[in-house]
Amino acid sequence: MVNILIVDDERVEREALKDILERGIENIAIVGEADHGRKAVQLAAELQPDLILMDIQMPGTDGLAAIREISENDPSVQFIIVSAYDTFDYARTALRMGVKDYLLKPSKTETIIETVGQAIRRIKREKDEQLARSREKQQLQKLLPVVEADFVAQALFDHVHEVHLEEMMQHFGMQSFRKMFVMVLFLTPHTPTEQTRRESERAYLQVKLSFHQCANGWIGAMSGRQIPIIVCSDQKRSYRAQAASVVRSLLNLCSRFDHAFAAFIGVGGEYSTLHELPHSYREAMLASIDLALPSRHCFYEQLSRDGFAGSEAPLDTEQTMLEQLQAGNGEAIQQTVVSFIDRCEASGKPIAETQQRALGMLLFISRMMVEMGVPAATPLFSYQSANYTQLKAEARLAAAQMLKPYMAMKTDMPPDLFRTIKTYIVANSHKYITLEDVAAHVRLSPYYVSKLFKEQSGVNYIDFITECRMKHAQRLMADPDRNVKEIAFEVGYHDPNYFSRVFKRTFRLSPTEYRKSLFPNL
């Protein structure tokens, strides 16, 4: 139903218009009449009409002044000017105020019905579009937590195109930034029970809310009581000051749950590009080697200055161990730890210090296993080694025990797993599927699925989904009866503008340009 207000100082004119409209157009309601501009403003505020038929020449507040005031109060109201004066000045002024239609007095009944009918169709179309946008926004708000976690997983463990970063920034209402860094929040239960698990989940939800209030960035899914966080640097503050502020805010929040678990935050270094974020993540993990620190947080840069991540255990050694873990090479991980111990022995390091550092390396791998969805026991040395020979043997044993669940998972992996994943993505690429959806389908961790897909196909799963969608869009473009917006929705994009950017990045032509290349005469 479209609500109409008629404004004219002549009662006969108002009644004639009302009679013509009610007889000639369905699904309308004449909600009110006004005989001057001031009353029109008042009734517009009270009745909230969709369309106003406005006379121009009236005593007191004229029609153009009334249109200006009503539009300021409610820009959605549309107008049709009804006037006996066919002058250019009136038309020009009306056009400047957004009025699209003009009726001259007297007009034929057919002309009135056609003009008002066009306006009503336009109003209905705009209402439908507004309703669709509202539904899309509601759907997006429901999806954002999943999308956010998915984005973090890709940024830290794989590769994210700048166009995806731009989309995420728009979704979260963020401005541009120059640098980013990673934090990892650990929630270690005092006693692992169902109650502490629920407390951790409750804390996770509150941490997400608190973080988005104090900083720009994204929070990943909680995996194995670890929460990865990407923080966008505030250009008005130093990296150290901003990181310390976020750490303080999150630790204060987590202190409410001290009865259930201990919180700790490792902070990685600041980097300028998305491609460097995995470095910051690994640094945050290394900074979390000792979760018992009284400060309940540690900066990797401080760790580096103190020598822990110095020449004996550089970041590239930790990177090597991570690559060995991803490849399922348990023997190589054991050998890397032993080689580290050899270097410490050769440099004359005290054995107690070396044992502690070797344990830290195993703890790092243990936490990465948890992140990958593999249950991992906390590695322990059963006693303080008396000599380096004992320490090497103990380190090999501790690493082998820790890696058993992961090696078992690699062995039990079905040979057609990649084909199953790929088939699922192809079949569902037109929907908004996330890495977690794909992982749930094959009952594996999102991290592992992402790495497996990249290793097997050479591209990450987001790029593969995009490729599937663009191929589908290319086929739909060959149908001239489909518009770009319809195609965007059909291939899985809720934002036609974002679809157009991805399409142009893929085909080097905008959707409109591509359509013109197919149909030059359209």
Protein backbone atom coordinates (compact mmCIF):
# COMPACT_ATOMS: atom_id res chain seq x y z
CA MET A 1 0.00 0.00 0.00
CA VAL A 2 1.32 3.43 -1.02
CA ASN A 3 0.16 6.35 1.15
CA ILE A 4 -0.60 9.62 -0.64
CA LEU A 5 -1.11 13.15 0.67
CA ILE A 6 -2.87 15.72 -1.57
CA VAL A 7 -2.02 19.40 -1.09
CA ASP A 8 -4.01 22.08 -2.93
CA ASP A 9 -5.74 25.26 -1.77
CA GLU A 10 -8.75 24.47 -3.96
CA ARG A 11 -11.11 21.93 -2.36
CA VAL A 12 -12.62 21.01 -5.75
CA GLU A 13 -9.13 20.22 -7.13
CA ARG A 14 -8.31 18.01 -4.11
CA GLU A 15 -11.57 16.07 -4.43
CA ALA A 16 -11.14 15.62 -8.18
CA LEU A 17 -7.58 14.29 -7.76
CA LYS A 18 -8.68 11.97 -4.96
CA ASP A 19 -11.53 10.57 -7.04
CA ILE A 20 -9.33 10.01 -10.11
CA LEU A 21 -6.61 8.25 -8.11
CA GLU A 22 -8.91 6.01 -6.07
CA ARG A 23 -10.82 4.94 -9.17
CA GLY A 24 -7.79 4.50 -11.43
CA ILE A 25 -5.01 3.05 -9.24
CA GLU A 26 -5.09 0.03 -6.93
CA ASN A 27 -3.32 -0.42 -3.59
CA ILE A 28 -3.14 3.23 -2.63
CA ALA A 29 -4.51 5.14 0.35
CA ILE A 30 -5.24 8.88 0.34
CA VAL A 31 -4.18 9.43 3.96
CA GLY A 32 -4.79 13.17 4.11
CA GLU A 33 -5.48 16.51 2.45
CA ALA A 34 -4.04 19.97 3.09
CA ASP A 35 -5.06 23.37 1.78
CA HIS A 36 -1.76 25.20 2.41
CA GLY A 37 1.96 24.49 2.78
CA ARG A 38 2.21 24.80 6.57
CA LYS A 39 -0.52 22.21 7.10
CA ALA A 40 1.18 19.98 4.51
CA VAL A 41 4.39 20.03 6.60
CA GLN A 42 2.41 19.17 9.74
CA LEU A 43 0.45 16.32 8.10
CA ALA A 44 3.58 14.91 6.46
CA ALA A 45 5.20 14.57 9.90
CA GLU A 46 2.07 12.95 11.36
CA LEU A 47 0.95 10.69 8.49
CA GLN A 48 4.35 9.85 6.91
CA PRO A 49 3.08 9.59 3.31
CA ASP A 50 5.13 7.95 0.59
CA LEU A 51 3.99 10.39 -2.09
CA ILE A 52 2.73 14.00 -1.96
CA LEU A 53 0.89 15.73 -4.79
CA MET A 54 1.85 19.34 -4.13
CA ASP A 55 0.33 22.50 -5.56
CA ILE A 56 2.79 25.37 -5.99
CA GLN A 57 0.80 28.58 -5.65
CA MET A 58 -0.86 28.59 -2.21
CA PRO A 59 -1.34 31.25 0.46
CA GLY A 60 1.22 31.38 3.24
CA THR A 61 3.91 28.71 2.83
CA ASP A 62 3.99 27.89 -0.88
CA GLY A 63 4.49 24.43 -2.35
CA LEU A 64 8.24 24.71 -3.03
CA ALA A 65 8.96 25.89 0.52
CA ALA A 66 6.85 23.04 1.91
CA ILE A 67 8.72 20.51 -0.26
CA ARG A 68 12.04 21.83 1.01
CA GLU A 69 11.02 21.54 4.67
CA ILE A 70 9.37 18.12 4.33
CA SER A 71 12.39 16.74 2.45
CA GLU A 72 14.72 17.92 5.21
CA ASN A 73 12.63 16.05 7.78
CA ASP A 74 12.11 12.91 5.66
CA PRO A 75 14.24 12.54 2.48
CA SER A 76 12.35 9.38 1.46
CA VAL A 77 9.11 11.24 0.65
CA GLN A 78 8.56 11.72 -3.08
CA PHE A 79 6.64 14.56 -4.73
CA ILE A 80 4.63 15.34 -7.83
CA ILE A 81 4.20 19.04 -8.46
CA VAL A 82 0.67 20.02 -9.55
CA SER A 83 0.53 23.52 -10.97
CA ALA A 84 -1.27 25.70 -13.49
CA TYR A 85 2.01 27.52 -14.14
CA ASP A 86 4.20 25.92 -16.81
CA THR A 87 7.31 27.98 -16.15
CA PHE A 88 10.94 26.98 -16.42
CA ASP A 89 11.86 28.54 -13.05
CA TYR A 90 9.41 26.30 -11.18
CA ALA A 91 10.62 23.21 -12.96
CA ARG A 92 14.30 24.03 -12.41
CA THR A 93 13.78 24.69 -8.69
CA ALA A 94 11.78 21.48 -8.33
CA LEU A 95 14.45 19.43 -10.08
CA ARG A 96 17.11 20.81 -7.74
CA MET A 97 15.05 19.53 -4.81
CA GLY A 98 14.78 16.05 -6.31
CA VAL A 99 11.20 16.29 -7.61
CA LYS A 100 10.90 13.98 -10.61
CA ASP A 101 7.31 14.54 -11.83
CA TYR A 102 5.24 17.58 -12.85
CA LEU A 103 1.50 17.74 -13.61
CA LEU A 104 -0.09 20.76 -15.29
CA LYS A 105 -3.60 21.90 -14.43
CA PRO A 106 -5.83 20.83 -16.00
CA SER A 107 -4.54 17.38 -17.00
CA LYS A 108 -6.37 14.51 -18.59
CA THR A 109 -7.37 11.64 -16.34
CA GLU A 110 -5.09 9.28 -18.29
CA THR A 111 -2.12 11.61 -17.83
CA ILE A 112 -2.71 11.89 -14.08
CA ILE A 113 -3.02 8.12 -13.66
CA GLU A 114 0.08 7.47 -15.78
CA THR A 115 2.22 10.07 -13.96
CA VAL A 116 1.14 8.99 -10.48
CA GLY A 117 1.43 5.32 -11.52
CA GLN A 118 5.05 5.83 -12.56
CA ALA A 119 5.85 7.45 -9.24
CA ILE A 120 4.14 4.62 -7.34
CA ARG A 121 6.09 1.99 -9.28
CA ARG A 122 9.29 3.83 -8.49
CA ILE A 123 8.37 4.03 -4.80
CA LYS A 124 7.57 0.31 -4.66
CA ARG A 125 10.82 -0.53 -6.42
CA GLU A 126 12.83 1.58 -3.99
CA LYS A 127 10.99 0.04 -1.04
CA ASP A 128 11.79 -3.44 -2.32
CA GLU A 129 15.45 -2.49 -2.75
CA GLN A 130 15.55 -0.97 0.73
CA LEU A 131 13.99 -4.10 2.20
CA ALA A 132 16.51 -6.27 0.35
CA ARG A 133 19.40 -4.13 1.63
CA SER A 134 18.02 -4.38 5.15
CA ARG A 135 17.80 -8.16 4.90
CA GLU A 136 21.31 -8.34 3.45
CA LYS A 137 22.61 -6.18 6.29
CA GLN A 138 20.92 -8.39 8.88
CA GLN A 139 22.31 -11.49 7.23
CA LEU A 140 25.76 -9.94 7.10
CA GLN A 141 25.60 -9.01 10.79
CA LYS A 142 24.88 -12.67 11.56
CA LEU A 143 27.73 -13.80 9.32
CA LEU A 144 30.33 -11.25 10.48
CA PRO A 145 31.66 -13.27 13.43
CA VAL A 146 32.23 -16.28 11.16
CA VAL A 147 33.63 -14.10 8.37
CA GLU A 148 35.96 -12.41 10.85
CA ALA A 149 37.34 -15.69 12.18
CA ASP A 150 37.73 -16.98 8.63
CA PHE A 151 39.64 -13.88 7.59
CA VAL A 152 42.05 -14.21 10.53
CA ALA A 153 42.74 -17.85 9.69
CA GLN A 154 43.57 -16.91 6.10
CA ALA A 155 45.68 -13.90 7.05
CA LEU A 156 47.81 -15.84 9.55
CA PHE A 157 48.09 -19.20 7.84
CA ASP A 158 47.65 -18.55 4.15
CA HIS A 159 47.21 -15.57 1.87
CA VAL A 160 44.59 -12.81 1.67
CA HIS A 161 44.17 -10.55 -1.35
CA GLU A 162 44.02 -6.82 -0.72
CA VAL A 163 40.49 -6.79 -2.19
CA HIS A 164 39.35 -9.15 0.60
CA LEU A 165 41.01 -6.88 3.17
CA GLU A 166 39.14 -3.93 1.67
CA GLU A 167 35.85 -5.81 2.00
CA MET A 168 36.55 -6.67 5.64
CA MET A 169 37.38 -3.05 6.43
CA GLN A 170 34.08 -1.93 4.90
CA HIS A 171 32.12 -4.54 6.87
CA PHE A 172 33.66 -3.35 10.13
CA GLY A 173 33.48 0.37 9.29
CA MET A 174 37.24 0.76 9.51
CA GLN A 175 39.45 3.48 8.07
CA SER A 176 42.72 2.85 6.28
CA PHE A 177 45.81 1.89 8.28
CA ARG A 178 49.47 1.35 7.55
CA LYS A 179 50.65 -1.40 9.87
CA MET A 180 49.37 -4.41 11.80
CA PHE A 181 50.55 -6.77 14.51
CA VAL A 182 49.31 -10.01 16.04
CA MET A 183 48.49 -10.99 19.60
CA VAL A 184 47.69 -14.48 20.83
CA LEU A 185 45.53 -14.74 23.96
CA PHE A 186 45.85 -18.01 25.90
CA LEU A 187 43.12 -19.13 28.31
CA THR A 188 44.63 -22.01 30.31
CA PRO A 189 42.11 -23.71 32.63
CA HIS A 190 43.21 -24.50 36.18
CA THR A 191 41.31 -27.79 35.90
CA PRO A 192 39.96 -28.89 32.49
CA THR A 193 36.25 -29.48 33.07
CA GLU A 194 33.01 -28.84 31.21
CA GLN A 195 32.43 -25.84 33.46
CA THR A 196 35.79 -24.24 32.63
CA ARG A 197 35.13 -24.89 28.93
CA ARG A 198 31.87 -22.95 29.16
CA GLU A 199 33.63 -20.19 31.11
CA SER A 200 36.27 -19.96 28.37
CA GLU A 201 33.59 -19.62 25.70
CA ARG A 202 31.85 -16.92 27.70
CA ALA A 203 35.15 -15.10 28.15
CA TYR A 204 35.82 -15.39 24.39
CA LEU A 205 32.56 -13.61 23.55
CA GLN A 206 33.33 -10.82 26.03
CA VAL A 207 36.89 -10.50 24.73
CA LYS A 208 35.56 -10.00 21.19
CA LEU A 209 33.22 -7.26 22.33
CA SER A 210 35.86 -5.55 24.46
CA PHE A 211 38.51 -5.68 21.75
CA HIS A 212 36.28 -4.09 19.09
CA GLN A 213 35.54 -1.26 21.53
CA CYS A 214 39.20 -0.48 22.23
CA ALA A 215 40.93 -1.18 18.89
CA ASN A 216 40.51 -1.81 15.18
CA GLY A 217 41.17 -5.32 13.92
CA TRP A 218 39.85 -8.86 13.88
CA ILE A 219 39.65 -11.77 16.31
CA GLY A 220 40.01 -15.34 15.13
CA ALA A 221 38.21 -18.43 16.37
CA MET A 222 39.24 -19.89 19.71
CA SER A 223 41.15 -23.07 19.00
CA GLY A 224 42.64 -25.12 21.78
CA ARG A 225 42.10 -22.21 24.20
CA GLN A 226 44.18 -19.96 21.95
CA ILE A 227 42.69 -16.81 20.43
CA PRO A 228 44.65 -15.10 17.61
CA ILE A 229 44.03 -11.36 17.26
CA ILE A 230 45.06 -9.02 14.41
CA VAL A 231 45.43 -5.42 15.59
CA CYS A 232 45.47 -2.54 13.08
CA SER A 233 48.01 0.02 14.24
CA ASP A 234 46.74 3.39 15.40
CA GLN A 235 48.76 6.03 13.55
CA LYS A 236 48.32 8.45 16.47
CA ARG A 237 50.10 6.15 18.94
CA SER A 238 53.28 4.15 18.96
CA TYR A 239 53.08 0.39 18.44
CA ARG A 240 54.28 -0.27 21.98
CA ALA A 241 51.79 2.13 23.59
CA GLN A 242 48.83 0.78 21.61
CA ALA A 243 49.76 -2.87 22.20
CA ALA A 244 50.23 -2.25 25.93
CA SER A 245 46.82 -0.57 26.08
CA VAL A 246 45.06 -3.47 24.35
CA VAL A 247 46.91 -6.02 26.50
CA ARG A 248 45.90 -4.17 29.65
CA SER A 249 42.26 -3.97 28.57
CA LEU A 250 42.01 -7.67 27.69
CA LEU A 251 43.85 -8.88 30.80
CA ASN A 252 41.61 -6.74 33.02
CA LEU A 253 38.60 -8.35 31.39
CA CYS A 254 40.03 -11.86 31.76
CA SER A 255 40.76 -11.25 35.45
CA ARG A 256 37.02 -11.72 36.06
CA PHE A 257 37.56 -15.37 35.15
CA ASP A 258 40.65 -15.99 37.28
CA HIS A 259 38.72 -18.66 39.18
CA ALA A 260 38.45 -20.74 35.98
CA PHE A 261 41.61 -20.14 33.96
CA ALA A 262 44.85 -18.17 33.67
CA ALA A 263 45.16 -15.67 30.83
CA PHE A 264 48.35 -14.81 28.98
CA ILE A 265 49.02 -12.65 25.90
CA GLY A 266 51.95 -12.96 23.52
CA VAL A 267 52.58 -9.96 21.28
CA GLY A 268 54.27 -10.17 17.88
CA GLY A 269 56.06 -7.42 16.02
CA GLU A 270 54.53 -4.74 13.82
CA TYR A 271 54.48 -5.26 10.03
CA SER A 272 53.37 -3.24 7.01
CA THR A 273 51.70 -5.85 4.78
CA LEU A 274 49.25 -8.72 5.06
CA HIS A 275 51.86 -11.10 3.70
CA GLU A 276 54.09 -10.43 6.73
CA LEU A 277 51.38 -11.11 9.33
CA PRO A 278 52.35 -14.80 9.70
CA HIS A 279 55.73 -13.58 10.98
CA SER A 280 54.00 -11.50 13.65
CA TYR A 281 51.85 -14.50 14.56
CA ARG A 282 54.86 -16.78 14.99
CA GLU A 283 56.54 -14.09 17.08
CA ALA A 284 53.46 -13.87 19.30
CA MET A 285 53.58 -17.65 19.74
CA LEU A 286 57.28 -17.53 20.64
CA ALA A 287 56.58 -14.72 23.10
CA SER A 288 54.13 -17.11 24.79
CA ILE A 289 56.63 -19.86 25.54
CA ASP A 290 56.50 -19.20 29.28
CA LEU A 291 52.83 -18.80 30.23
CA ALA A 292 53.79 -18.58 33.90
CA LEU A 293 55.38 -15.12 33.63
CA PRO A 294 54.02 -12.91 36.46
CA SER A 295 53.30 -10.08 33.99
CA ARG A 296 50.87 -12.40 32.13
CA HIS A 297 52.11 -11.02 28.84
CA CYS A 298 55.30 -10.82 26.80
CA PHE A 299 56.46 -8.83 23.77
CA TYR A 300 58.53 -10.72 21.21
CA GLU A 301 60.82 -7.71 20.85
CA GLN A 302 61.59 -7.91 24.57
CA LEU A 303 62.25 -11.64 24.21
CA SER A 304 64.69 -10.88 21.39
CA ARG A 305 66.54 -8.25 23.45
CA ASP A 306 66.82 -10.66 26.36
CA GLY A 307 68.48 -13.20 24.07
CA PHE A 308 65.93 -15.99 24.19
CA ALA A 309 65.17 -15.80 20.48
CA GLY A 310 68.75 -14.89 19.63
CA SER A 311 71.37 -16.78 17.69
CA GLU A 312 70.70 -20.16 19.33
CA ALA A 313 66.98 -20.28 18.42
CA PRO A 314 66.34 -17.76 15.64
CA LEU A 315 62.92 -17.27 14.08
CA ASP A 316 63.93 -19.16 10.95
CA THR A 317 64.57 -22.27 13.12
CA GLU A 318 61.06 -22.01 14.48
CA GLN A 319 59.78 -21.49 10.92
CA THR A 320 61.64 -24.64 9.84
CA MET A 321 60.00 -26.62 12.63
CA LEU A 322 56.58 -25.32 11.61
CA GLU A 323 57.17 -26.38 8.00
CA GLN A 324 58.31 -29.79 9.21
CA LEU A 325 55.12 -30.09 11.27
CA GLN A 326 52.96 -29.19 8.28
CA ALA A 327 54.78 -31.83 6.23
CA GLY A 328 54.22 -34.41 8.96
CA ASN A 329 57.96 -34.96 9.37
CA GLY A 330 58.26 -35.84 13.04
CA GLU A 331 61.80 -37.13 12.74
CA ALA A 332 62.97 -33.83 11.26
CA ILE A 333 61.40 -31.91 14.18
CA GLN A 334 63.24 -34.11 16.65
CA GLN A 335 66.49 -33.56 14.77
CA THR A 336 65.97 -29.78 14.70
CA VAL A 337 65.61 -29.72 18.49
CA VAL A 338 68.69 -31.91 18.91
CA SER A 339 70.68 -29.68 16.53
CA PHE A 340 69.68 -26.69 18.63
CA ILE A 341 70.94 -28.48 21.74
CA ASP A 342 74.20 -29.27 19.90
CA ARG A 343 74.73 -25.58 19.17
CA CYS A 344 74.09 -24.67 22.80
CA GLU A 345 76.56 -27.33 23.94
CA ALA A 346 79.20 -26.07 21.50
CA SER A 347 78.78 -22.50 22.74
CA GLY A 348 79.15 -23.54 26.38
CA LYS A 349 75.61 -22.74 27.52
CA PRO A 350 74.59 -24.05 30.99
CA ILE A 351 72.62 -27.28 30.55
CA ALA A 352 69.70 -26.06 32.68
CA GLU A 353 69.24 -23.02 30.44
CA THR A 354 69.48 -25.16 27.29
CA GLN A 355 66.90 -27.61 28.60
CA GLN A 356 64.50 -24.77 29.32
CA ARG A 357 64.94 -23.34 25.83
CA ALA A 358 64.51 -26.73 24.17
CA LEU A 359 61.32 -27.21 26.16
CA GLY A 360 60.14 -23.83 24.88
CA MET A 361 60.62 -24.98 21.29
CA LEU A 362 58.55 -28.10 21.95
CA LEU A 363 55.87 -26.01 23.65
CA PHE A 364 55.66 -23.87 20.55
CA ILE A 365 55.13 -26.91 18.33
CA SER A 366 52.59 -28.28 20.82
CA ARG A 367 50.55 -25.10 20.60
CA MET A 368 50.74 -25.10 16.81
CA MET A 369 49.39 -28.65 16.84
CA VAL A 370 46.47 -27.49 18.97
CA GLU A 371 45.88 -24.63 16.53
CA MET A 372 45.73 -27.22 13.75
CA GLY A 373 43.03 -29.12 15.61
CA VAL A 374 45.26 -31.93 16.85
CA PRO A 375 45.07 -32.73 20.58
CA ALA A 376 48.57 -32.38 21.99
CA ALA A 377 49.82 -33.15 25.49
CA THR A 378 52.06 -30.53 27.09
CA PRO A 379 55.65 -31.67 26.50
CA LEU A 380 57.65 -32.31 29.68
CA PHE A 381 61.14 -33.42 30.59
CA SER A 382 60.81 -36.05 33.31
CA TYR A 383 63.95 -34.86 35.15
CA GLN A 384 66.72 -32.31 35.04
CA SER A 385 69.36 -33.74 32.70
CA ALA A 386 72.80 -34.20 34.18
CA ASN A 387 74.61 -33.93 30.84
CA TYR A 388 74.00 -33.06 27.22
CA THR A 389 73.79 -36.71 26.12
CA GLN A 390 70.86 -37.27 28.50
CA LEU A 391 69.24 -34.02 27.40
CA LYS A 392 69.32 -35.00 23.70
CA ALA A 393 67.78 -38.39 24.42
CA GLU A 394 65.12 -36.83 26.67
CA ALA A 395 64.32 -34.19 24.03
CA ARG A 396 63.87 -36.85 21.34
CA LEU A 397 61.55 -38.85 23.59
CA ALA A 398 59.48 -35.80 24.61
CA ALA A 399 59.11 -34.72 20.95
CA ALA A 400 58.11 -38.20 19.81
CA GLN A 401 55.44 -38.50 22.51
CA MET A 402 54.07 -35.05 21.75
CA LEU A 403 53.89 -35.74 17.99
CA LYS A 404 52.10 -39.11 18.22
CA PRO A 405 48.54 -37.75 17.75
CA TYR A 406 49.57 -35.68 14.73
CA MET A 407 51.41 -38.55 13.07
CA ALA A 408 48.37 -40.78 13.65
CA MET A 409 46.10 -38.20 12.01
CA LYS A 410 48.40 -37.98 8.97
CA THR A 411 48.42 -41.78 8.65
CA ASP A 412 44.63 -42.11 8.92
CA MET A 413 43.91 -39.39 6.36
CA PRO A 414 41.72 -40.76 3.51
CA PRO A 415 43.49 -40.67 0.11
CA ASP A 416 40.59 -38.87 -1.60
CA LEU A 417 40.35 -36.11 1.03
CA PHE A 418 41.44 -33.32 -1.30
CA ARG A 419 38.94 -34.41 -3.97
CA THR A 420 36.18 -34.43 -1.34
CA ILE A 421 37.09 -30.90 -0.24
CA LYS A 422 37.28 -29.62 -3.81
CA THR A 423 33.96 -31.21 -4.78
CA TYR A 424 32.25 -29.65 -1.75
CA ILE A 425 33.61 -26.18 -2.59
CA VAL A 426 32.56 -26.42 -6.26
CA ALA A 427 29.04 -27.54 -5.29
CA ASN A 428 28.60 -24.74 -2.73
CA SER A 429 30.64 -21.87 -4.17
CA HIS A 430 27.46 -19.90 -4.94
CA LYS A 431 26.73 -19.78 -1.19
CA TYR A 432 28.65 -17.88 1.45
CA ILE A 433 30.79 -20.80 2.62
CA THR A 434 33.69 -20.27 4.98
CA LEU A 435 36.82 -22.20 5.80
CA GLU A 436 35.07 -23.48 8.92
CA ASP A 437 32.19 -24.81 6.79
CA VAL A 438 34.61 -26.72 4.59
CA ALA A 439 36.53 -28.03 7.60
CA ALA A 440 33.34 -29.17 9.32
CA HIS A 441 32.34 -31.09 6.20
CA VAL A 442 35.48 -33.26 6.40
CA ARG A 443 35.76 -33.09 10.22
CA LEU A 444 39.19 -31.49 10.31
CA SER A 445 40.55 -28.21 11.63
CA PRO A 446 40.22 -25.10 9.42
CA TYR A 447 43.98 -24.59 9.65
CA TYR A 448 44.76 -28.07 8.36
CA VAL A 449 42.17 -27.89 5.56
CA SER A 450 43.60 -24.55 4.41
CA LYS A 451 47.14 -25.90 4.29
CA LEU A 452 46.12 -29.17 2.63
CA PHE A 453 44.19 -27.33 -0.08
CA LYS A 454 47.09 -24.96 -0.76
CA GLU A 455 49.58 -27.81 -0.94
CA GLN A 456 47.42 -29.93 -3.26
CA SER A 457 46.07 -27.22 -5.58
CA GLY A 458 48.66 -24.45 -5.46
CA VAL A 459 46.03 -21.84 -4.54
CA ASN A 460 44.21 -21.10 -1.30
CA TYR A 461 40.57 -21.95 -0.87
CA ILE A 462 39.35 -18.32 -1.11
CA ASP A 463 41.02 -17.93 -4.50
CA PHE A 464 39.51 -21.24 -5.61
CA ILE A 465 36.01 -20.19 -4.50
CA THR A 466 36.49 -16.89 -6.31
CA GLU A 467 37.58 -18.75 -9.45
CA CYS A 468 34.44 -20.95 -9.29
CA ARG A 469 32.20 -17.92 -8.80
CA MET A 470 33.81 -15.94 -11.61
CA LYS A 471 33.42 -18.86 -14.05
CA HIS A 472 29.74 -19.06 -13.09
CA ALA A 473 29.37 -15.29 -13.47
CA GLN A 474 31.03 -15.44 -16.87
CA ARG A 475 28.44 -17.97 -18.03
CA LEU A 476 25.56 -15.87 -16.66
CA MET A 477 26.88 -12.75 -18.40
CA ALA A 478 25.97 -14.41 -21.70
CA ASP A 479 22.29 -14.00 -20.78
CA PRO A 480 21.34 -10.40 -21.70
CA ASP A 481 18.16 -10.59 -19.60
CA ARG A 482 20.12 -10.82 -16.35
CA ASN A 483 21.45 -7.64 -14.79
CA VAL A 484 24.75 -7.40 -12.90
CA LYS A 485 23.10 -7.21 -9.49
CA GLU A 486 21.14 -10.42 -10.09
CA ILE A 487 24.29 -12.19 -11.26
CA ALA A 488 26.22 -11.01 -8.19
CA PHE A 489 23.60 -12.49 -5.84
CA GLU A 490 23.32 -15.71 -7.82
CA VAL A 491 27.06 -16.46 -7.68
CA GLY A 492 27.33 -15.76 -3.95
CA TYR A 493 28.11 -12.05 -3.47
CA HIS A 494 25.86 -9.93 -1.26
CA ASP A 495 27.55 -6.68 -2.32
CA PRO A 496 27.30 -5.94 -6.08
CA ASN A 497 30.07 -3.33 -5.82
CA TYR A 498 32.44 -5.87 -4.29
CA PHE A 499 31.44 -8.38 -6.98
CA SER A 500 32.30 -5.80 -9.66
CA ARG A 501 35.76 -5.22 -8.15
CA VAL A 502 36.51 -8.95 -8.02
CA PHE A 503 35.17 -9.42 -11.56
CA LYS A 504 37.40 -6.64 -12.90
CA ARG A 505 40.44 -8.04 -11.08
CA THR A 506 39.74 -11.42 -12.68
CA PHE A 507 38.86 -10.44 -16.25
CA ARG A 508 40.50 -6.98 -16.51
CA LEU A 509 37.07 -5.61 -17.47
CA SER A 510 34.20 -4.36 -15.35
CA PRO A 511 30.94 -6.37 -15.63
CA THR A 512 29.43 -3.59 -17.75
CA GLU A 513 32.45 -3.50 -20.08
CA TYR A 514 32.44 -7.29 -20.33
CA ARG A 515 28.73 -7.32 -21.18
CA LYS A 516 29.34 -4.70 -23.90
CA SER A 517 32.08 -6.86 -25.39
CA LEU A 518 29.55 -9.70 -25.69
CA PHE A 519 26.65 -7.57 -26.92
CA PRO A 520 28.04 -4.44 -28.68
CA ASN A 521 24.58 -3.36 -29.87
CA LEU A 522 22.87 -3.39 -26.47
